[in-house]
Amino acid sequence: MRHNGHPLTTPQLTSSLTLSRQDGTTLTLELQPLPLGFYRRLRERGVIPPTPPSKPARDSNGRLIRDAQGHAVTINSPHDPQYLADLERYHQRVAVLSLAEALTADPHTQFESQPPTEAAGNADISRWLTYADQLADELESAGFRAGDLIIICQEICRLSNLLGDQLNGATANFSSGSQTDST
C-alpha cells in the first residue's frame, strides 16, 4: 500500500507492561499489537462463540406457538448453564490466544504449550481449542489471576487500536476455570 507515493511500512510497535505479582515481585511483559487478520484466523481455527440453545415457544396452555407460515416459533435460552459455561470458555480462549499472539515479540517470555503447526492445517479445530486451553492452564499454573489477564488484554486493545468490546468482551467473563454463572 502507498500513501503520498511512498510505501507504507509497519513500524515494530511494542509496549512494556509491568504486573505486580502476589509475592511482591514484578513481571514485565513486552506486548505487540494484534495483526489485522487475528479475529478472522481465530474463526478459521474454530474459535467461535457458542450459540444459546433454543426451544419451542409455547403459549400459556402449553401449545406450540406457530408463525404465519405454520412453523414453530423458537426462543433462545441465554441463561442455560451449559451455554454460559461454553461462553465463558470461549472468552477465556480468545483472551489467552490474544495474549500469546501479543507476546510473540517478547524475547523473555515463552510458553511451554506450542501452537498447532500450519502443516496440520486449520481443519482439525480441536487442536486449536486444546492449545488455548493449555495456555489457560499454563497461565493459571504460573500464578496469573483473572485481573492480570484483564489488564494485559486492555493494553493489547490499546496497542491494537481496538474499539468497542472486541477483546474487552472476551475478557469480561474470564475466570480461572470456574463453571459458575458470572452474570
N, C-alpha and C. Protein backbone atom coordinates (compact mmCIF):
# COMPACT_ATOMS: atom_id res chain seq x y z
N MET A 1 0.85 -1.17 0.00
CA MET A 1 0.00 0.00 0.00
C MET A 1 0.90 1.23 0.00
N ARG A 2 0.43 2.26 -0.71
CA ARG A 2 1.20 3.50 -0.79
C ARG A 2 0.37 4.65 -0.23
N HIS A 3 1.08 5.61 0.35
CA HIS A 3 0.46 6.83 0.83
C HIS A 3 1.38 7.98 0.42
N ASN A 4 0.81 8.96 -0.31
CA ASN A 4 1.60 10.07 -0.85
C ASN A 4 2.77 9.57 -1.67
N GLY A 5 2.55 8.47 -2.40
CA GLY A 5 3.57 7.94 -3.27
C GLY A 5 4.63 7.08 -2.60
N HIS A 6 4.56 6.95 -1.30
CA HIS A 6 5.57 6.17 -0.57
C HIS A 6 4.94 4.90 -0.01
N PRO A 7 5.68 3.81 -0.06
CA PRO A 7 5.13 2.58 0.52
C PRO A 7 4.95 2.73 2.03
N LEU A 8 3.82 2.23 2.50
CA LEU A 8 3.58 2.23 3.94
C LEU A 8 4.28 1.03 4.55
N THR A 9 4.99 1.28 5.60
CA THR A 9 5.64 0.20 6.32
C THR A 9 5.06 0.15 7.73
N THR A 10 5.14 -0.99 8.30
CA THR A 10 4.63 -1.15 9.66
C THR A 10 5.78 -1.04 10.63
N PRO A 11 5.76 -0.01 11.45
CA PRO A 11 6.81 0.07 12.46
C PRO A 11 6.61 -1.02 13.50
N GLN A 12 7.69 -1.52 14.04
CA GLN A 12 7.59 -2.53 15.09
C GLN A 12 7.20 -1.83 16.39
N LEU A 13 5.94 -1.88 16.70
CA LEU A 13 5.42 -1.22 17.89
C LEU A 13 5.30 -2.24 19.01
N THR A 14 5.90 -1.93 20.13
CA THR A 14 5.76 -2.77 21.32
C THR A 14 5.54 -1.86 22.52
N SER A 15 5.04 -2.46 23.56
CA SER A 15 4.80 -1.73 24.79
C SER A 15 5.17 -2.62 25.96
N SER A 16 5.87 -2.06 26.92
CA SER A 16 6.21 -2.81 28.13
C SER A 16 5.09 -2.63 29.15
N LEU A 17 4.69 -3.72 29.74
CA LEU A 17 3.66 -3.71 30.77
C LEU A 17 4.22 -4.43 31.99
N THR A 18 4.18 -3.78 33.13
CA THR A 18 4.69 -4.38 34.36
C THR A 18 3.53 -4.74 35.27
N LEU A 19 3.48 -6.01 35.65
CA LEU A 19 2.44 -6.52 36.55
C LEU A 19 3.04 -6.77 37.92
N SER A 20 2.27 -6.47 38.94
CA SER A 20 2.67 -6.81 40.31
C SER A 20 2.22 -8.23 40.58
N ARG A 21 3.12 -9.03 41.12
CA ARG A 21 2.82 -10.42 41.43
C ARG A 21 2.39 -10.54 42.89
N GLN A 22 1.79 -11.66 43.24
CA GLN A 22 1.29 -11.87 44.59
C GLN A 22 2.40 -11.87 45.63
N ASP A 23 3.61 -12.28 45.22
CA ASP A 23 4.72 -12.35 46.18
C ASP A 23 5.47 -11.03 46.31
N GLY A 24 4.97 -9.97 45.67
CA GLY A 24 5.60 -8.66 45.76
C GLY A 24 6.58 -8.36 44.64
N THR A 25 6.91 -9.35 43.82
CA THR A 25 7.80 -9.11 42.69
C THR A 25 7.00 -8.51 41.54
N THR A 26 7.70 -8.12 40.49
CA THR A 26 7.05 -7.61 39.30
C THR A 26 7.42 -8.47 38.11
N LEU A 27 6.57 -8.45 37.12
CA LEU A 27 6.79 -9.17 35.88
C LEU A 27 6.57 -8.18 34.75
N THR A 28 7.60 -7.99 33.92
CA THR A 28 7.49 -7.07 32.79
C THR A 28 7.32 -7.87 31.52
N LEU A 29 6.27 -7.55 30.78
CA LEU A 29 5.96 -8.21 29.52
C LEU A 29 6.09 -7.21 28.38
N GLU A 30 6.61 -7.67 27.26
CA GLU A 30 6.74 -6.84 26.06
C GLU A 30 5.64 -7.27 25.10
N LEU A 31 4.66 -6.39 24.90
CA LEU A 31 3.49 -6.71 24.09
C LEU A 31 3.54 -6.01 22.74
N GLN A 32 2.97 -6.66 21.74
CA GLN A 32 2.82 -6.04 20.43
C GLN A 32 1.35 -6.07 20.05
N PRO A 33 0.93 -5.21 19.12
CA PRO A 33 -0.48 -5.20 18.73
C PRO A 33 -0.86 -6.48 17.98
N LEU A 34 -2.15 -6.76 17.98
CA LEU A 34 -2.65 -7.90 17.22
C LEU A 34 -2.68 -7.55 15.74
N PRO A 35 -2.34 -8.49 14.87
CA PRO A 35 -2.38 -8.21 13.43
C PRO A 35 -3.83 -8.07 12.93
N LEU A 36 -3.97 -7.47 11.78
CA LEU A 36 -5.28 -7.18 11.21
C LEU A 36 -6.16 -8.42 11.10
N GLY A 37 -5.63 -9.54 10.67
CA GLY A 37 -6.44 -10.74 10.45
C GLY A 37 -6.58 -11.65 11.65
N PHE A 38 -6.26 -11.16 12.84
CA PHE A 38 -6.26 -12.03 14.01
C PHE A 38 -7.61 -12.69 14.26
N TYR A 39 -8.69 -11.93 14.26
CA TYR A 39 -10.01 -12.49 14.56
C TYR A 39 -10.49 -13.42 13.45
N ARG A 40 -10.14 -13.10 12.21
CA ARG A 40 -10.50 -13.99 11.10
C ARG A 40 -9.81 -15.33 11.28
N ARG A 41 -8.53 -15.30 11.66
CA ARG A 41 -7.81 -16.55 11.87
C ARG A 41 -8.39 -17.34 13.04
N LEU A 42 -8.84 -16.65 14.08
CA LEU A 42 -9.50 -17.37 15.18
C LEU A 42 -10.73 -18.11 14.67
N ARG A 43 -11.55 -17.42 13.89
CA ARG A 43 -12.76 -18.07 13.35
C ARG A 43 -12.40 -19.25 12.46
N GLU A 44 -11.38 -19.08 11.61
CA GLU A 44 -10.96 -20.17 10.73
C GLU A 44 -10.46 -21.37 11.53
N ARG A 45 -9.92 -21.12 12.69
CA ARG A 45 -9.38 -22.19 13.54
C ARG A 45 -10.44 -22.77 14.47
N GLY A 46 -11.66 -22.31 14.34
CA GLY A 46 -12.76 -22.88 15.12
C GLY A 46 -13.02 -22.22 16.45
N VAL A 47 -12.37 -21.10 16.70
CA VAL A 47 -12.61 -20.38 17.95
C VAL A 47 -13.74 -19.39 17.67
N ILE A 48 -14.95 -19.88 17.87
CA ILE A 48 -16.15 -19.09 17.58
C ILE A 48 -17.05 -19.11 18.81
N PRO A 49 -17.84 -18.05 18.99
CA PRO A 49 -18.72 -18.02 20.16
C PRO A 49 -19.82 -19.08 20.05
N PRO A 50 -20.20 -19.64 21.18
CA PRO A 50 -21.30 -20.61 21.14
C PRO A 50 -22.62 -19.89 20.90
N THR A 51 -23.59 -20.63 20.46
CA THR A 51 -24.93 -20.06 20.30
C THR A 51 -25.82 -20.62 21.42
N PRO A 52 -26.69 -19.79 21.94
CA PRO A 52 -27.56 -20.29 23.01
C PRO A 52 -28.51 -21.35 22.47
N PRO A 53 -28.83 -22.32 23.29
CA PRO A 53 -29.79 -23.33 22.83
C PRO A 53 -31.16 -22.70 22.63
N SER A 54 -31.93 -23.28 21.75
CA SER A 54 -33.28 -22.76 21.54
C SER A 54 -34.28 -23.87 21.87
N LYS A 55 -35.48 -23.43 22.18
CA LYS A 55 -36.55 -24.38 22.48
C LYS A 55 -37.83 -23.82 21.88
N PRO A 56 -38.79 -24.69 21.63
CA PRO A 56 -40.05 -24.22 21.05
C PRO A 56 -40.79 -23.30 22.03
N ALA A 57 -41.35 -22.24 21.48
CA ALA A 57 -42.16 -21.32 22.29
C ALA A 57 -43.55 -21.92 22.49
N ARG A 58 -44.06 -21.78 23.69
CA ARG A 58 -45.39 -22.33 24.00
C ARG A 58 -46.26 -21.23 24.61
N ASP A 59 -47.55 -21.37 24.36
CA ASP A 59 -48.48 -20.41 24.96
C ASP A 59 -48.80 -20.84 26.39
N SER A 60 -49.69 -20.10 27.05
CA SER A 60 -49.99 -20.38 28.46
C SER A 60 -50.67 -21.74 28.66
N ASN A 61 -51.19 -22.31 27.59
CA ASN A 61 -51.82 -23.64 27.69
C ASN A 61 -50.84 -24.76 27.32
N GLY A 62 -49.61 -24.40 27.02
CA GLY A 62 -48.60 -25.41 26.69
C GLY A 62 -48.56 -25.80 25.23
N ARG A 63 -49.34 -25.14 24.40
CA ARG A 63 -49.34 -25.46 22.96
C ARG A 63 -48.25 -24.68 22.24
N LEU A 64 -47.71 -25.30 21.19
CA LEU A 64 -46.68 -24.64 20.39
C LEU A 64 -47.23 -23.36 19.77
N ILE A 65 -46.41 -22.34 19.75
CA ILE A 65 -46.75 -21.10 19.06
C ILE A 65 -46.19 -21.22 17.66
N ARG A 66 -47.01 -20.89 16.68
CA ARG A 66 -46.58 -21.01 15.28
C ARG A 66 -46.63 -19.63 14.62
N ASP A 67 -45.74 -19.45 13.63
CA ASP A 67 -45.72 -18.19 12.89
C ASP A 67 -46.76 -18.25 11.77
N ALA A 68 -46.80 -17.20 10.93
CA ALA A 68 -47.79 -17.11 9.87
C ALA A 68 -47.68 -18.25 8.86
N GLN A 69 -46.49 -18.80 8.70
CA GLN A 69 -46.29 -19.90 7.75
C GLN A 69 -46.53 -21.27 8.40
N GLY A 70 -46.86 -21.28 9.67
CA GLY A 70 -47.14 -22.53 10.35
C GLY A 70 -45.92 -23.18 11.00
N HIS A 71 -44.78 -22.51 10.94
CA HIS A 71 -43.57 -23.05 11.57
C HIS A 71 -43.57 -22.74 13.06
N ALA A 72 -43.04 -23.68 13.83
CA ALA A 72 -42.95 -23.47 15.27
C ALA A 72 -41.98 -22.33 15.56
N VAL A 73 -42.38 -21.44 16.46
CA VAL A 73 -41.53 -20.33 16.89
C VAL A 73 -40.60 -20.87 17.98
N THR A 74 -39.34 -20.48 17.90
CA THR A 74 -38.39 -20.90 18.93
C THR A 74 -37.88 -19.68 19.68
N ILE A 75 -37.44 -19.92 20.92
CA ILE A 75 -36.84 -18.86 21.72
C ILE A 75 -35.49 -19.35 22.23
N ASN A 76 -34.57 -18.42 22.32
CA ASN A 76 -33.24 -18.76 22.84
C ASN A 76 -33.28 -18.87 24.35
N SER A 77 -32.36 -19.67 24.87
CA SER A 77 -32.22 -19.84 26.33
C SER A 77 -30.85 -19.33 26.75
N PRO A 78 -30.67 -17.98 26.84
CA PRO A 78 -29.34 -17.43 27.12
C PRO A 78 -28.86 -17.68 28.55
N HIS A 79 -29.70 -18.22 29.41
CA HIS A 79 -29.27 -18.49 30.79
C HIS A 79 -29.04 -19.98 31.04
N ASP A 80 -29.03 -20.77 29.97
CA ASP A 80 -28.76 -22.19 30.09
C ASP A 80 -27.36 -22.39 30.69
N PRO A 81 -27.22 -23.19 31.74
CA PRO A 81 -25.92 -23.34 32.40
C PRO A 81 -24.80 -23.83 31.48
N GLN A 82 -25.10 -24.77 30.59
CA GLN A 82 -24.05 -25.26 29.69
C GLN A 82 -23.64 -24.18 28.69
N TYR A 83 -24.61 -23.43 28.20
CA TYR A 83 -24.30 -22.33 27.29
C TYR A 83 -23.41 -21.30 27.99
N LEU A 84 -23.74 -20.94 29.22
CA LEU A 84 -22.94 -19.96 29.97
C LEU A 84 -21.52 -20.47 30.20
N ALA A 85 -21.38 -21.75 30.48
CA ALA A 85 -20.04 -22.34 30.66
C ALA A 85 -19.27 -22.30 29.35
N ASP A 86 -19.94 -22.63 28.24
CA ASP A 86 -19.29 -22.59 26.93
C ASP A 86 -18.90 -21.17 26.54
N LEU A 87 -19.75 -20.20 26.87
CA LEU A 87 -19.46 -18.79 26.57
C LEU A 87 -18.26 -18.31 27.37
N GLU A 88 -18.20 -18.69 28.63
CA GLU A 88 -17.06 -18.31 29.46
C GLU A 88 -15.77 -18.92 28.91
N ARG A 89 -15.84 -20.18 28.50
CA ARG A 89 -14.66 -20.84 27.94
C ARG A 89 -14.23 -20.15 26.64
N TYR A 90 -15.20 -19.75 25.81
CA TYR A 90 -14.88 -19.03 24.57
C TYR A 90 -14.14 -17.74 24.88
N HIS A 91 -14.65 -16.95 25.83
CA HIS A 91 -14.00 -15.69 26.20
C HIS A 91 -12.58 -15.94 26.72
N GLN A 92 -12.43 -16.97 27.50
CA GLN A 92 -11.11 -17.31 28.03
C GLN A 92 -10.16 -17.67 26.90
N ARG A 93 -10.63 -18.45 25.94
CA ARG A 93 -9.78 -18.85 24.81
C ARG A 93 -9.35 -17.64 23.99
N VAL A 94 -10.27 -16.74 23.69
CA VAL A 94 -9.91 -15.55 22.92
C VAL A 94 -8.87 -14.73 23.68
N ALA A 95 -9.07 -14.57 24.97
CA ALA A 95 -8.14 -13.77 25.78
C ALA A 95 -6.75 -14.38 25.80
N VAL A 96 -6.64 -15.69 26.03
CA VAL A 96 -5.30 -16.28 26.13
C VAL A 96 -4.64 -16.39 24.76
N LEU A 97 -5.41 -16.61 23.70
CA LEU A 97 -4.81 -16.63 22.36
C LEU A 97 -4.34 -15.23 21.96
N SER A 98 -5.08 -14.21 22.37
CA SER A 98 -4.66 -12.82 22.13
C SER A 98 -3.37 -12.53 22.87
N LEU A 99 -3.29 -12.98 24.11
CA LEU A 99 -2.09 -12.77 24.90
C LEU A 99 -0.89 -13.48 24.27
N ALA A 100 -1.08 -14.72 23.85
CA ALA A 100 0.02 -15.46 23.23
C ALA A 100 0.50 -14.75 21.96
N GLU A 101 -0.43 -14.25 21.17
CA GLU A 101 -0.07 -13.53 19.94
C GLU A 101 0.68 -12.24 20.27
N ALA A 102 0.19 -11.50 21.25
CA ALA A 102 0.82 -10.23 21.62
C ALA A 102 2.19 -10.42 22.24
N LEU A 103 2.45 -11.58 22.82
CA LEU A 103 3.74 -11.84 23.46
C LEU A 103 4.80 -12.41 22.51
N THR A 104 4.46 -12.59 21.24
CA THR A 104 5.45 -13.15 20.32
C THR A 104 6.66 -12.24 20.15
N ALA A 105 6.53 -10.96 20.47
CA ALA A 105 7.66 -10.03 20.37
C ALA A 105 8.51 -10.00 21.63
N ASP A 106 8.08 -10.68 22.67
CA ASP A 106 8.80 -10.65 23.95
C ASP A 106 9.85 -11.75 23.98
N PRO A 107 11.14 -11.37 23.92
CA PRO A 107 12.19 -12.40 23.89
C PRO A 107 12.37 -13.10 25.24
N HIS A 108 11.78 -12.57 26.29
CA HIS A 108 11.97 -13.14 27.62
C HIS A 108 10.84 -14.06 28.06
N THR A 109 9.76 -14.11 27.29
CA THR A 109 8.59 -14.89 27.69
C THR A 109 8.26 -15.93 26.62
N GLN A 110 8.22 -17.16 27.03
CA GLN A 110 7.84 -18.25 26.13
C GLN A 110 6.86 -19.16 26.86
N PHE A 111 5.94 -19.70 26.11
CA PHE A 111 5.01 -20.68 26.65
C PHE A 111 5.55 -22.08 26.41
N GLU A 112 5.26 -22.98 27.32
CA GLU A 112 5.60 -24.39 27.12
C GLU A 112 4.70 -24.96 26.03
N SER A 113 3.43 -24.58 26.03
CA SER A 113 2.47 -25.05 25.03
C SER A 113 2.83 -24.44 23.69
N GLN A 114 2.79 -25.25 22.66
CA GLN A 114 3.12 -24.79 21.32
C GLN A 114 1.88 -24.83 20.44
N PRO A 115 1.71 -23.82 19.58
CA PRO A 115 0.53 -23.81 18.71
C PRO A 115 0.61 -24.96 17.70
N PRO A 116 -0.54 -25.42 17.23
CA PRO A 116 -0.53 -26.44 16.18
C PRO A 116 0.22 -25.92 14.96
N THR A 117 0.90 -26.80 14.29
CA THR A 117 1.66 -26.39 13.11
C THR A 117 0.70 -26.09 11.97
N GLU A 118 1.11 -25.18 11.13
CA GLU A 118 0.28 -24.85 9.96
C GLU A 118 0.19 -26.04 9.02
N ALA A 119 1.18 -26.94 9.06
CA ALA A 119 1.13 -28.13 8.22
C ALA A 119 -0.08 -28.98 8.58
N ALA A 120 -0.48 -28.94 9.85
CA ALA A 120 -1.67 -29.68 10.27
C ALA A 120 -2.93 -29.04 9.71
N GLY A 121 -2.82 -27.79 9.28
CA GLY A 121 -3.96 -27.08 8.72
C GLY A 121 -4.94 -26.66 9.79
N ASN A 122 -5.95 -25.96 9.34
CA ASN A 122 -6.98 -25.48 10.26
C ASN A 122 -8.16 -26.44 10.33
N ALA A 123 -8.07 -27.55 9.59
CA ALA A 123 -9.20 -28.47 9.54
C ALA A 123 -9.50 -29.09 10.89
N ASP A 124 -8.48 -29.39 11.65
CA ASP A 124 -8.68 -30.02 12.95
C ASP A 124 -8.78 -28.94 14.01
N ILE A 125 -10.00 -28.41 14.20
CA ILE A 125 -10.17 -27.29 15.13
C ILE A 125 -9.91 -27.68 16.57
N SER A 126 -10.05 -28.95 16.87
CA SER A 126 -9.85 -29.36 18.26
C SER A 126 -8.42 -29.08 18.70
N ARG A 127 -7.47 -29.08 17.78
CA ARG A 127 -6.08 -28.78 18.14
C ARG A 127 -5.93 -27.35 18.65
N TRP A 128 -6.62 -26.41 18.00
CA TRP A 128 -6.53 -25.01 18.42
C TRP A 128 -7.25 -24.78 19.74
N LEU A 129 -8.38 -25.45 19.91
CA LEU A 129 -9.11 -25.30 21.17
C LEU A 129 -8.31 -25.91 22.32
N THR A 130 -7.68 -27.05 22.06
CA THR A 130 -6.83 -27.67 23.08
C THR A 130 -5.65 -26.78 23.41
N TYR A 131 -5.05 -26.19 22.38
CA TYR A 131 -3.92 -25.28 22.59
C TYR A 131 -4.34 -24.10 23.48
N ALA A 132 -5.49 -23.51 23.19
CA ALA A 132 -5.97 -22.38 24.00
C ALA A 132 -6.20 -22.82 25.45
N ASP A 133 -6.76 -23.99 25.63
CA ASP A 133 -6.99 -24.49 27.00
C ASP A 133 -5.67 -24.76 27.71
N GLN A 134 -4.67 -25.25 26.98
CA GLN A 134 -3.35 -25.47 27.57
C GLN A 134 -2.71 -24.15 27.98
N LEU A 135 -2.87 -23.12 27.16
CA LEU A 135 -2.34 -21.80 27.52
C LEU A 135 -2.99 -21.29 28.80
N ALA A 136 -4.30 -21.45 28.91
CA ALA A 136 -5.01 -21.01 30.12
C ALA A 136 -4.50 -21.76 31.34
N ASP A 137 -4.31 -23.06 31.21
CA ASP A 137 -3.78 -23.86 32.32
C ASP A 137 -2.37 -23.40 32.69
N GLU A 138 -1.57 -23.11 31.68
CA GLU A 138 -0.19 -22.67 31.91
C GLU A 138 -0.17 -21.32 32.64
N LEU A 139 -1.03 -20.40 32.22
CA LEU A 139 -1.10 -19.10 32.89
C LEU A 139 -1.56 -19.25 34.34
N GLU A 140 -2.54 -20.11 34.54
CA GLU A 140 -3.02 -20.33 35.91
C GLU A 140 -1.93 -20.96 36.78
N SER A 141 -1.21 -21.92 36.23
CA SER A 141 -0.11 -22.55 36.98
C SER A 141 1.00 -21.56 37.30
N ALA A 142 1.18 -20.57 36.43
CA ALA A 142 2.21 -19.55 36.64
C ALA A 142 1.75 -18.46 37.61
N GLY A 143 0.55 -18.60 38.14
CA GLY A 143 0.07 -17.65 39.14
C GLY A 143 -0.65 -16.43 38.59
N PHE A 144 -1.02 -16.45 37.31
CA PHE A 144 -1.77 -15.33 36.77
C PHE A 144 -3.19 -15.36 37.33
N ARG A 145 -3.70 -14.18 37.60
CA ARG A 145 -5.06 -14.03 38.11
C ARG A 145 -5.94 -13.46 37.01
N ALA A 146 -7.24 -13.55 37.21
CA ALA A 146 -8.18 -13.03 36.21
C ALA A 146 -7.91 -11.55 35.95
N GLY A 147 -7.65 -10.79 37.00
CA GLY A 147 -7.36 -9.36 36.85
C GLY A 147 -6.11 -9.10 36.04
N ASP A 148 -5.10 -9.97 36.18
CA ASP A 148 -3.88 -9.83 35.38
C ASP A 148 -4.20 -9.91 33.90
N LEU A 149 -5.01 -10.91 33.55
CA LEU A 149 -5.35 -11.10 32.15
C LEU A 149 -6.16 -9.92 31.62
N ILE A 150 -7.04 -9.39 32.43
CA ILE A 150 -7.83 -8.23 32.01
C ILE A 150 -6.93 -7.03 31.77
N ILE A 151 -5.99 -6.78 32.66
CA ILE A 151 -5.05 -5.66 32.50
C ILE A 151 -4.23 -5.83 31.22
N ILE A 152 -3.74 -7.03 30.99
CA ILE A 152 -2.93 -7.29 29.80
C ILE A 152 -3.77 -7.10 28.55
N CYS A 153 -4.98 -7.63 28.54
CA CYS A 153 -5.84 -7.52 27.36
C CYS A 153 -6.25 -6.07 27.09
N GLN A 154 -6.43 -5.28 28.12
CA GLN A 154 -6.72 -3.86 27.90
C GLN A 154 -5.55 -3.18 27.21
N GLU A 155 -4.33 -3.53 27.59
CA GLU A 155 -3.15 -2.95 26.93
C GLU A 155 -3.06 -3.43 25.49
N ILE A 156 -3.38 -4.70 25.25
CA ILE A 156 -3.38 -5.21 23.87
C ILE A 156 -4.41 -4.46 23.04
N CYS A 157 -5.59 -4.21 23.60
CA CYS A 157 -6.62 -3.43 22.89
C CYS A 157 -6.11 -2.04 22.55
N ARG A 158 -5.46 -1.39 23.50
CA ARG A 158 -4.94 -0.05 23.27
C ARG A 158 -3.90 -0.08 22.16
N LEU A 159 -2.98 -1.02 22.22
CA LEU A 159 -1.94 -1.12 21.19
C LEU A 159 -2.51 -1.42 19.81
N SER A 160 -3.56 -2.22 19.78
CA SER A 160 -4.13 -2.69 18.52
C SER A 160 -5.19 -1.75 17.97
N ASN A 161 -5.45 -0.64 18.68
CA ASN A 161 -6.49 0.30 18.28
C ASN A 161 -7.85 -0.37 18.16
N LEU A 162 -8.11 -1.33 19.04
CA LEU A 162 -9.41 -1.99 19.04
C LEU A 162 -10.41 -1.10 19.75
N LEU A 163 -11.55 -0.94 19.12
CA LEU A 163 -12.61 -0.13 19.70
C LEU A 163 -13.74 -1.04 20.14
N GLY A 164 -14.62 -0.52 20.93
CA GLY A 164 -15.78 -1.30 21.34
C GLY A 164 -15.39 -2.43 22.26
N ASP A 165 -16.10 -3.54 22.09
CA ASP A 165 -15.92 -4.62 23.04
C ASP A 165 -15.30 -5.86 22.42
N GLN A 166 -14.53 -5.73 21.33
CA GLN A 166 -13.98 -6.91 20.68
C GLN A 166 -13.20 -7.79 21.65
N LEU A 167 -12.12 -7.27 22.19
CA LEU A 167 -11.31 -8.08 23.10
C LEU A 167 -11.74 -7.86 24.53
N ASN A 168 -12.21 -6.65 24.84
CA ASN A 168 -12.66 -6.41 26.21
C ASN A 168 -13.81 -7.34 26.58
N GLY A 169 -14.70 -7.59 25.63
CA GLY A 169 -15.80 -8.51 25.89
C GLY A 169 -15.30 -9.92 26.13
N ALA A 170 -14.23 -10.27 25.46
CA ALA A 170 -13.67 -11.60 25.63
C ALA A 170 -13.06 -11.78 27.01
N THR A 171 -12.63 -10.69 27.62
CA THR A 171 -12.00 -10.81 28.93
C THR A 171 -12.98 -10.56 30.07
N ALA A 172 -14.16 -10.06 29.76
CA ALA A 172 -15.09 -9.67 30.82
C ALA A 172 -15.48 -10.85 31.71
N ASN A 173 -15.63 -12.02 31.13
CA ASN A 173 -16.07 -13.17 31.91
C ASN A 173 -14.93 -14.13 32.21
N PHE A 174 -13.69 -13.71 32.00
CA PHE A 174 -12.58 -14.63 32.23
C PHE A 174 -12.50 -15.01 33.70
N SER A 175 -12.35 -16.28 33.92
CA SER A 175 -12.09 -16.75 35.28
C SER A 175 -11.13 -17.92 35.17
N SER A 176 -10.67 -18.40 36.27
CA SER A 176 -9.68 -19.47 36.26
C SER A 176 -10.33 -20.85 36.28
N GLY A 177 -11.28 -21.06 35.39
CA GLY A 177 -11.87 -22.37 35.27
C GLY A 177 -13.18 -22.56 36.00
N SER A 178 -13.65 -21.55 36.66
CA SER A 178 -14.92 -21.65 37.38
C SER A 178 -16.05 -21.89 36.40
N GLN A 179 -16.95 -22.76 36.72
CA GLN A 179 -18.07 -23.06 35.85
C GLN A 179 -19.35 -22.41 36.34
N THR A 180 -19.25 -21.39 37.14
CA THR A 180 -20.44 -20.75 37.69
C THR A 180 -20.91 -19.64 36.78
N ASP A 181 -22.16 -19.28 36.93
CA ASP A 181 -22.76 -18.19 36.18
C ASP A 181 -22.22 -16.88 36.73
N SER A 182 -21.51 -16.14 35.88
CA SER A 182 -20.92 -14.88 36.35
C SER A 182 -21.74 -13.68 35.95
N THR A 183 -22.95 -13.90 35.46
CA THR A 183 -23.79 -12.77 35.06
C THR A 183 -24.68 -12.33 36.17
